[in-house]
Amino acid sequence: MGLKKIAYKPFSIARPDDRGRITLGKLLTLGVSRFDIFINEQTGEVLLKPYKEIPANEAWLYQNPTALNLVNKGLKEAQAGKFSGQEFEETSWIDEIEDDE
């Protein structure tokens, strides 16, 4: 697999330790659960593709487009400072999700 022509900016210099390991540090690994590693065999360039995995008990949200849209809508409204001031009624949003399925 060849690397696409993408502009990369210099970030840091790393030297392998005596066991051949390179430490990425907290800045590059914060919230990352794994990396896929790609190597360009002609140039020796290495590409690390970070992944953030979600707990299995939260996967349902990403498998339910209606619920995910409601969460995203709520996050956007909260970010914009739009709050209803109403008490939380658990059944109102659950009924809305169940009606759409």
Protein backbone atom coordinates (compact mmCIF):
# COMPACT_ATOMS: atom_id res chain seq x y z
CA MET A 1 0.00 0.00 0.00
CA GLY A 2 1.51 3.31 -1.05
CA LEU A 3 1.15 6.49 0.93
CA LYS A 4 -1.05 9.16 -0.58
CA LYS A 5 0.54 12.52 -1.29
CA ILE A 6 -0.55 14.36 1.86
CA ALA A 7 1.20 17.30 3.42
CA TYR A 8 2.73 16.23 6.71
CA LYS A 9 4.28 18.74 9.07
CA PRO A 10 7.31 17.99 11.24
CA PHE A 11 6.25 17.18 14.78
CA SER A 12 9.18 15.80 16.72
CA ILE A 13 12.35 13.74 16.55
CA ALA A 14 12.43 10.29 18.11
CA ARG A 15 15.33 7.90 18.51
CA PRO A 16 14.86 4.19 19.09
CA ASP A 17 16.02 2.88 22.45
CA ASP A 18 18.39 -0.09 22.77
CA ARG A 19 15.47 -2.46 22.19
CA GLY A 20 14.31 -0.66 19.00
CA ARG A 21 11.29 1.06 20.59
CA ILE A 22 10.15 4.60 19.93
CA THR A 23 7.99 6.39 22.48
CA LEU A 24 5.21 8.54 21.05
CA GLY A 25 4.32 10.34 24.26
CA LYS A 26 1.00 11.34 25.79
CA LEU A 27 0.16 14.02 23.23
CA LEU A 28 -0.01 11.53 20.35
CA THR A 29 -1.61 8.71 22.32
CA LEU A 30 -4.25 10.55 24.35
CA GLY A 31 -7.52 8.66 23.97
CA VAL A 32 -6.04 6.26 21.40
CA SER A 33 -6.63 2.56 21.98
CA ARG A 34 -4.56 1.23 19.09
CA PHE A 35 -2.64 2.16 15.93
CA ASP A 36 -2.64 0.45 12.55
CA ILE A 37 0.90 0.60 11.19
CA PHE A 38 1.65 1.05 7.48
CA ILE A 39 5.11 1.01 5.92
CA ASN A 40 6.24 2.19 2.52
CA GLU A 41 8.74 -0.52 1.61
CA GLN A 42 10.48 1.69 -0.97
CA THR A 43 11.13 4.66 1.30
CA GLY A 44 10.90 3.13 4.77
CA GLU A 45 8.29 5.73 5.77
CA VAL A 46 5.95 4.61 8.53
CA LEU A 47 2.37 5.80 8.96
CA LEU A 48 0.49 5.29 12.22
CA LYS A 49 -3.28 5.45 11.91
CA PRO A 50 -4.82 6.02 15.37
CA TYR A 51 -8.10 4.47 16.47
CA LYS A 52 -10.40 5.25 19.36
CA GLU A 53 -12.54 2.28 20.25
CA ILE A 54 -15.80 2.49 22.12
CA PRO A 55 -17.03 0.18 24.89
CA ALA A 56 -19.35 -2.60 23.67
CA ASN A 57 -22.19 -1.32 25.84
CA GLU A 58 -22.09 2.03 23.96
CA ALA A 59 -21.99 0.56 20.44
CA TRP A 60 -25.81 0.56 20.23
CA LEU A 61 -25.76 4.34 19.86
CA TYR A 62 -23.76 4.16 16.63
CA GLN A 63 -26.02 1.40 15.32
CA ASN A 64 -29.16 3.49 15.91
CA PRO A 65 -29.19 6.52 13.56
CA THR A 66 -32.21 8.10 15.27
CA ALA A 67 -30.60 7.99 18.71
CA LEU A 68 -27.27 9.24 17.34
CA ASN A 69 -29.00 12.15 15.57
CA LEU A 70 -30.80 13.09 18.80
CA VAL A 71 -27.54 13.02 20.76
CA ASN A 72 -25.74 15.11 18.14
CA LYS A 73 -28.65 17.57 18.04
CA GLY A 74 -28.57 17.88 21.83
CA LEU A 75 -24.81 18.42 21.86
CA LYS A 76 -25.09 21.18 19.24
CA GLU A 77 -27.90 22.86 21.17
CA ALA A 78 -25.95 22.65 24.42
CA GLN A 79 -22.87 24.09 22.71
CA ALA A 80 -25.01 26.98 21.45
CA GLY A 81 -26.33 27.55 24.98
CA LYS A 82 -29.84 26.40 24.17
CA PHE A 83 -31.29 24.77 27.26
CA SER A 84 -34.99 24.11 27.78
CA GLY A 85 -35.02 24.63 31.52
CA GLN A 86 -37.54 21.80 31.74
CA GLU A 87 -37.18 18.82 33.99
CA PHE A 88 -35.77 15.73 32.29
CA GLU A 89 -38.49 13.27 31.32
CA GLU A 90 -36.86 9.96 30.51
CA THR A 91 -39.83 8.55 28.60
CA SER A 92 -40.11 11.48 26.17
CA TRP A 93 -36.92 10.69 24.25
CA ILE A 94 -37.19 6.92 24.69
CA ASP A 95 -40.69 6.98 23.15
CA GLU A 96 -39.39 9.10 20.26
CA ILE A 97 -36.61 6.59 19.54
CA GLU A 98 -38.92 3.57 19.79
CA ASP A 99 -41.48 5.24 17.48
CA ASP A 100 -38.85 5.69 14.77
CA GLU A 101 -37.66 2.10 14.76
